[in-house]
Amino acid sequence: MVGLSEGEKHFIRGGISQDLRADGRRRLQFRAVSVETGVIPQANGSARVRLGATEVIASVKAELGKPSILHPDKGKVSIFVDCSPTAAPMFEGRGSEELSTELSVALQRCLLGGKSGAGAAIDLSSLIVVDGKVCWDLYIDGLVVSSDGNLLDALASAIKVALSDTGIPKVNVSLSAATEEEPEVDVSDEEFVQFDTSSVPVIVTLTKVGKDYIVDATPEEESQMSSAVSVSVNRHGKICGLTKRGGAGLDPSVIFDMISVAKHVSQQFLSLLDSEIASAEAAE
C-alpha cells in the first residue's frame, strides 16, 4: 500500500484532471518500454519487458500432451504468475500470493477467454498435432521482478513478446492402421515452427481517477483510483477480453467509452511494442 499525504493525493488528482501527471506524462501516455528476448535459454521462448521501473519476465515451455475431451481439436495453454519477494515490500512473506492469483486469473480471462479456453485470443487450434490424440501444451510463466505499477499490461506484453520468440518443434506423425492406437510421434531437435502471434493481443488498463482515466498508472496513481478496466485488444482492433477491479461501479456508457479509448491506445502501444521486438531480434 502506498502511503501519501493529503497534499500528495490532491497533487496527483489535480494533475490528472489537467492532463499533466506527476511524472510529466499526458493521461493516455505510456512510460518508456524496453524489450529483451531469449533471456531464458532452456525455454522455447522468453522475454523481459520493462515498462518504466516495472520489470517482468515471461517464459514459454512447449510439451506434447493430449487434447481435452471437450476440445479435441485444440491444444492447451496455462498461465501462471509469480511475484518475486524483492519486487516490492508488500510481496514479502505470503503477501504476493493473492496478487499472483489475481494476475493469473486476469491474464487467463483476457488472453484465453477464461479457464475453458473458449474465445481464446491465442489460437489453440494451431497447437493440435493429431485431432483428439496429440497436441502441444504451452506453459506460460510470468515473473514480476520489479513492481512500479501497471503489472497486468506489462505481463501481457511480456507474454506476447515471449510467444513471438517461441519456436515449436516440428513433429512427424506415424499413424497405424488401427486408429484406436496412439500415434507415434518424432519430435525434431533441429527444425522449429515460429509461433504465430498476429492475433495475440496486448492489454490496456484504464485507471479511473476522479472523472478522468489514465493508462500505465504508477502505484501512487493506482492508490487514488475508484476503479480500473483492463481491455485486451489485438492488432485488428478486436476486443478479446475484459476485466474490472476496484469497488466503484461504472455506468455502461463510461465502460463503452473506456473500451473505445483502449482500442485507440492499444494500436499505438502495439506499434511501439513491434518496434521494440524488431530491435531486440536484431540485437540477438
Protein backbone atom coordinates (compact mmCIF):
# COMPACT_ATOMS: atom_id res chain seq x y z
CA MET A 1 0.00 0.00 0.00
CA VAL A 2 1.31 3.44 -0.99
CA GLY A 3 1.24 5.97 1.86
CA LEU A 4 0.51 9.50 0.62
CA SER A 5 -0.20 12.74 2.43
CA GLU A 6 -3.40 14.67 1.65
CA GLY A 7 -1.30 17.20 -0.25
CA GLU A 8 0.25 14.50 -2.43
CA LYS A 9 -3.15 12.97 -3.14
CA HIS A 10 -4.54 16.38 -4.15
CA PHE A 11 -1.48 16.99 -6.37
CA ILE A 12 -1.91 13.65 -8.19
CA ARG A 13 -5.67 14.06 -8.71
CA GLY A 14 -5.33 17.69 -9.74
CA GLY A 15 -2.60 16.93 -12.25
CA ILE A 16 -4.63 14.14 -13.85
CA SER A 17 -7.68 16.40 -14.16
CA GLN A 18 -5.47 18.92 -16.02
CA ASP A 19 -3.89 16.22 -18.24
CA LEU A 20 -0.46 16.68 -16.66
CA ARG A 21 0.60 13.80 -14.46
CA ALA A 22 3.24 13.91 -11.71
CA ASP A 23 5.91 12.41 -13.99
CA GLY A 24 5.11 14.79 -16.86
CA ARG A 25 3.04 12.38 -18.97
CA ARG A 26 -0.36 13.01 -20.51
CA ARG A 27 -3.31 10.90 -19.36
CA LEU A 28 -3.07 8.45 -22.28
CA GLN A 29 0.72 8.24 -22.49
CA PHE A 30 2.75 5.14 -21.60
CA ARG A 31 6.13 5.17 -19.93
CA ALA A 32 9.23 4.13 -21.88
CA VAL A 33 9.18 0.46 -22.96
CA SER A 34 12.18 -1.80 -23.46
CA VAL A 35 12.18 -5.41 -24.65
CA GLU A 36 14.72 -8.24 -24.48
CA THR A 37 14.13 -11.71 -25.97
CA GLY A 38 15.74 -15.10 -25.34
CA VAL A 39 16.51 -14.37 -21.69
CA ILE A 40 15.87 -17.99 -20.58
CA PRO A 41 17.78 -20.38 -22.89
CA GLN A 42 16.02 -23.52 -21.56
CA ALA A 43 12.57 -22.22 -22.57
CA ASN A 44 11.01 -22.44 -26.04
CA GLY A 45 10.55 -18.68 -25.88
CA SER A 46 11.15 -15.95 -23.33
CA ALA A 47 11.22 -12.19 -22.91
CA ARG A 48 11.96 -9.43 -20.44
CA VAL A 49 9.84 -6.27 -20.62
CA ARG A 50 10.47 -3.05 -18.73
CA LEU A 51 7.66 -0.50 -18.51
CA GLY A 52 9.10 2.43 -16.64
CA ALA A 53 10.53 0.88 -13.46
CA THR A 54 8.20 -2.13 -13.68
CA GLU A 55 10.12 -5.21 -14.87
CA VAL A 56 8.63 -8.59 -15.75
CA ILE A 57 9.83 -11.80 -17.40
CA ALA A 58 7.71 -14.31 -19.32
CA SER A 59 8.75 -17.77 -20.49
CA VAL A 60 7.01 -20.34 -22.69
CA LYS A 61 7.59 -24.09 -22.43
CA ALA A 62 6.03 -26.44 -25.01
CA GLU A 63 5.31 -30.09 -24.17
CA LEU A 64 3.37 -32.76 -26.03
CA GLY A 65 0.08 -33.71 -24.39
CA LYS A 66 -3.40 -34.97 -25.11
CA PRO A 67 -6.32 -32.69 -26.05
CA SER A 68 -9.23 -32.46 -23.65
CA ILE A 69 -12.42 -34.40 -24.40
CA LEU A 70 -14.38 -31.15 -24.67
CA HIS A 71 -11.94 -29.62 -27.18
CA PRO A 72 -10.35 -32.47 -29.16
CA ASP A 73 -9.27 -30.09 -31.95
CA LYS A 74 -7.37 -27.66 -29.71
CA GLY A 75 -4.16 -27.56 -27.74
CA LYS A 76 -3.91 -26.22 -24.20
CA VAL A 77 -2.35 -23.14 -22.65
CA SER A 78 -1.89 -22.42 -18.95
CA ILE A 79 -0.68 -19.17 -17.43
CA PHE A 80 0.87 -18.77 -14.00
CA VAL A 81 2.31 -15.61 -12.44
CA ASP A 82 4.72 -15.36 -9.54
CA CYS A 83 5.77 -12.16 -7.77
CA SER A 84 9.35 -12.02 -6.55
CA PRO A 85 9.57 -11.12 -2.83
CA THR A 86 12.12 -8.45 -3.79
CA ALA A 87 9.79 -6.79 -6.33
CA ALA A 88 8.06 -4.68 -3.67
CA PRO A 89 7.92 -4.59 0.15
CA MET A 90 4.30 -5.83 0.13
CA PHE A 91 5.41 -9.05 -1.61
CA GLU A 92 7.48 -10.28 1.32
CA GLY A 93 6.30 -13.42 3.11
CA ARG A 94 2.89 -14.54 1.81
CA GLY A 95 1.93 -11.07 0.61
CA SER A 96 2.45 -11.90 -3.05
CA GLU A 97 0.21 -14.99 -3.25
CA GLU A 98 -3.09 -13.14 -3.55
CA LEU A 99 -1.76 -10.77 -6.23
CA SER A 100 -0.16 -13.67 -8.16
CA THR A 101 -3.53 -15.44 -8.27
CA GLU A 102 -5.35 -12.25 -9.26
CA LEU A 103 -2.91 -11.57 -12.12
CA SER A 104 -3.02 -15.19 -13.33
CA VAL A 105 -6.84 -15.18 -13.43
CA ALA A 106 -6.94 -11.80 -15.21
CA LEU A 107 -4.48 -12.99 -17.86
CA GLN A 108 -6.44 -16.23 -18.35
CA ARG A 109 -9.61 -14.19 -18.82
CA CYS A 110 -8.09 -11.64 -21.20
CA LEU A 111 -5.89 -13.98 -23.27
CA LEU A 112 -7.67 -17.34 -23.08
CA GLY A 113 -11.30 -16.39 -22.57
CA GLY A 114 -11.32 -17.99 -19.10
CA LYS A 115 -10.35 -21.45 -17.91
CA SER A 116 -12.32 -23.22 -20.66
CA GLY A 117 -10.29 -21.59 -23.42
CA ALA A 118 -13.46 -20.62 -25.26
CA GLY A 119 -12.97 -17.41 -27.21
CA ALA A 120 -9.22 -17.59 -26.73
CA ALA A 121 -7.14 -14.77 -28.15
CA ILE A 122 -4.33 -17.32 -28.58
CA ASP A 123 -5.13 -19.68 -31.46
CA LEU A 124 -5.40 -23.03 -29.67
CA SER A 125 -6.23 -24.92 -32.88
CA SER A 126 -2.70 -24.17 -34.15
CA LEU A 127 -1.38 -26.33 -31.29
CA ILE A 128 -3.08 -29.54 -32.42
CA VAL A 129 -0.88 -32.32 -33.83
CA VAL A 130 -3.45 -35.15 -34.22
CA ASP A 131 -7.11 -34.43 -33.53
CA GLY A 132 -8.20 -35.96 -30.24
CA LYS A 133 -4.84 -37.64 -29.65
CA VAL A 134 -1.80 -35.34 -29.59
CA CYS A 135 -1.42 -31.62 -29.05
CA TRP A 136 1.06 -29.10 -27.76
CA ASP A 137 0.59 -27.84 -24.22
CA LEU A 138 2.05 -24.38 -23.64
CA TYR A 139 3.04 -23.48 -20.09
CA ILE A 140 3.45 -19.72 -19.77
CA ASP A 141 5.13 -18.44 -16.62
CA GLY A 142 5.30 -14.78 -15.69
CA LEU A 143 7.60 -13.35 -13.05
CA VAL A 144 7.31 -9.88 -11.56
CA VAL A 145 10.90 -8.78 -10.93
CA SER A 146 10.22 -5.15 -10.02
CA SER A 147 6.82 -3.61 -9.31
CA ASP A 148 6.16 0.04 -10.15
CA GLY A 149 2.54 -0.10 -11.28
CA ASN A 150 0.56 -1.48 -14.25
CA LEU A 151 1.67 -5.09 -13.76
CA LEU A 152 -1.12 -6.66 -15.85
CA ASP A 153 -0.28 -4.70 -19.02
CA ALA A 154 3.43 -5.36 -18.58
CA LEU A 155 2.89 -9.12 -18.11
CA ALA A 156 0.60 -9.34 -21.15
CA SER A 157 3.23 -7.52 -23.22
CA ALA A 158 5.96 -9.88 -22.00
CA ILE A 159 3.80 -12.90 -22.88
CA LYS A 160 3.18 -11.56 -26.39
CA VAL A 161 6.91 -10.93 -26.90
CA ALA A 162 7.83 -14.35 -25.44
CA LEU A 163 5.35 -16.04 -27.81
CA SER A 164 6.90 -14.19 -30.76
CA ASP A 165 10.23 -15.67 -29.61
CA THR A 166 8.76 -19.18 -29.30
CA GLY A 167 9.73 -21.96 -31.67
CA ILE A 168 7.53 -25.08 -31.67
CA PRO A 169 9.48 -28.23 -32.69
CA LYS A 170 8.35 -29.87 -35.93
CA VAL A 171 6.60 -33.19 -35.37
CA ASN A 172 6.43 -36.17 -37.73
CA VAL A 173 3.43 -38.43 -37.04
CA SER A 174 3.15 -42.12 -37.96
CA LEU A 175 -0.46 -43.28 -37.86
CA SER A 176 -1.03 -47.02 -37.63
CA ALA A 177 -3.83 -48.77 -39.49
CA ALA A 178 -5.65 -49.29 -36.21
CA THR A 179 -6.94 -45.78 -35.45
CA GLU A 180 -7.56 -46.63 -31.80
CA GLU A 181 -3.84 -46.94 -31.14
CA GLU A 182 -1.80 -43.96 -30.06
CA PRO A 183 0.14 -42.42 -32.97
CA GLU A 184 3.92 -42.49 -32.98
CA VAL A 185 5.45 -39.03 -32.93
CA ASP A 186 9.00 -37.98 -33.75
CA VAL A 187 9.91 -34.55 -32.36
CA SER A 188 12.65 -32.72 -34.24
CA ASP A 189 15.57 -31.23 -32.31
CA GLU A 190 16.62 -29.03 -35.21
CA GLU A 191 13.51 -27.78 -37.02
CA PHE A 192 11.10 -25.34 -35.40
CA VAL A 193 7.94 -23.53 -36.44
CA GLN A 194 7.62 -19.95 -35.30
CA PHE A 195 4.51 -19.35 -33.20
CA ASP A 196 2.03 -17.02 -34.93
CA THR A 197 1.36 -14.01 -32.68
CA SER A 198 -0.53 -11.88 -35.22
CA SER A 199 -3.79 -12.21 -33.27
CA VAL A 200 -2.29 -12.20 -29.76
CA PRO A 201 -3.49 -9.03 -28.03
CA VAL A 202 -1.99 -6.53 -25.66
CA ILE A 203 -3.84 -5.43 -22.53
CA VAL A 204 -4.57 -1.76 -21.92
CA THR A 205 -5.70 -0.89 -18.39
CA LEU A 206 -7.62 2.35 -17.98
CA THR A 207 -7.49 3.54 -14.38
CA LYS A 208 -10.25 5.93 -13.32
CA VAL A 209 -9.11 8.75 -11.03
CA GLY A 210 -11.84 11.29 -10.33
CA LYS A 211 -13.73 11.87 -13.58
CA ASP A 212 -10.77 11.02 -15.81
CA TYR A 213 -8.94 7.82 -16.74
CA ILE A 214 -5.29 7.19 -17.43
CA VAL A 215 -3.11 4.44 -18.91
CA ASP A 216 0.01 2.88 -17.41
CA ALA A 217 -0.68 4.07 -13.86
CA THR A 218 2.06 4.27 -11.24
CA PRO A 219 1.47 2.84 -7.73
CA GLU A 220 0.76 6.36 -6.44
CA GLU A 221 -1.88 6.88 -9.14
CA GLU A 222 -3.35 3.41 -8.58
CA SER A 223 -3.82 4.26 -4.90
CA GLN A 224 -6.17 7.09 -5.94
CA MET A 225 -8.31 5.07 -8.36
CA SER A 226 -12.01 4.36 -7.93
CA SER A 227 -11.92 1.51 -10.46
CA ALA A 228 -9.90 0.15 -13.38
CA VAL A 229 -10.93 -1.64 -16.57
CA SER A 230 -8.42 -3.83 -18.44
CA VAL A 231 -9.20 -4.48 -22.11
CA SER A 232 -7.28 -6.92 -24.31
CA VAL A 233 -7.17 -5.79 -27.94
CA ASN A 234 -5.35 -7.35 -30.90
CA ARG A 235 -3.87 -5.54 -33.89
CA HIS A 236 -7.12 -5.95 -35.83
CA GLY A 237 -8.97 -3.92 -33.21
CA LYS A 238 -10.83 -6.96 -31.91
CA ILE A 239 -11.75 -7.00 -28.22
CA CYS A 240 -10.50 -10.33 -26.87
CA GLY A 241 -11.29 -9.94 -23.18
CA LEU A 242 -12.16 -7.53 -20.39
CA THR A 243 -11.78 -7.48 -16.64
CA LYS A 244 -12.54 -4.89 -13.97
CA ARG A 245 -11.18 -4.25 -10.49
CA GLY A 246 -11.99 -1.71 -7.82
CA GLY A 247 -15.13 -1.38 -5.71
CA ALA A 248 -16.79 1.54 -7.51
CA GLY A 249 -19.43 0.75 -10.11
CA LEU A 250 -19.25 2.16 -13.64
CA ASP A 251 -22.06 3.40 -15.84
CA PRO A 252 -22.33 1.32 -19.07
CA SER A 253 -21.73 4.45 -21.16
CA VAL A 254 -18.43 5.03 -19.29
CA ILE A 255 -17.35 1.41 -19.89
CA PHE A 256 -18.10 1.71 -23.62
CA ASP A 257 -16.11 4.94 -23.76
CA MET A 258 -13.20 3.29 -21.93
CA ILE A 259 -13.27 0.38 -24.38
CA SER A 260 -13.20 2.81 -27.30
CA VAL A 261 -10.23 4.65 -25.81
CA ALA A 262 -8.46 1.35 -25.08
CA LYS A 263 -8.86 0.26 -28.73
CA HIS A 264 -7.30 3.51 -29.91
CA VAL A 265 -4.42 3.47 -27.42
CA SER A 266 -3.73 -0.25 -27.99
CA GLN A 267 -2.80 0.33 -31.64
CA GLN A 268 -0.21 2.92 -30.65
CA PHE A 269 1.17 0.59 -27.98
CA LEU A 270 1.28 -2.35 -30.43
CA SER A 271 3.31 -0.27 -32.88
CA LEU A 272 5.72 0.66 -30.09
CA LEU A 273 6.00 -2.98 -28.98
CA ASP A 274 6.56 -4.18 -32.58
CA SER A 275 9.41 -1.70 -32.93
CA GLU A 276 10.97 -2.88 -29.67
CA ILE A 277 10.62 -6.56 -30.71
CA ALA A 278 12.34 -5.85 -34.04
CA SER A 279 15.18 -4.08 -32.23
CA ALA A 280 15.54 -6.94 -29.74
CA GLU A 281 15.65 -9.55 -32.51
CA ALA A 282 18.22 -7.52 -34.44
CA ALA A 283 20.42 -7.35 -31.33
CA GLU A 284 20.50 -11.14 -30.89
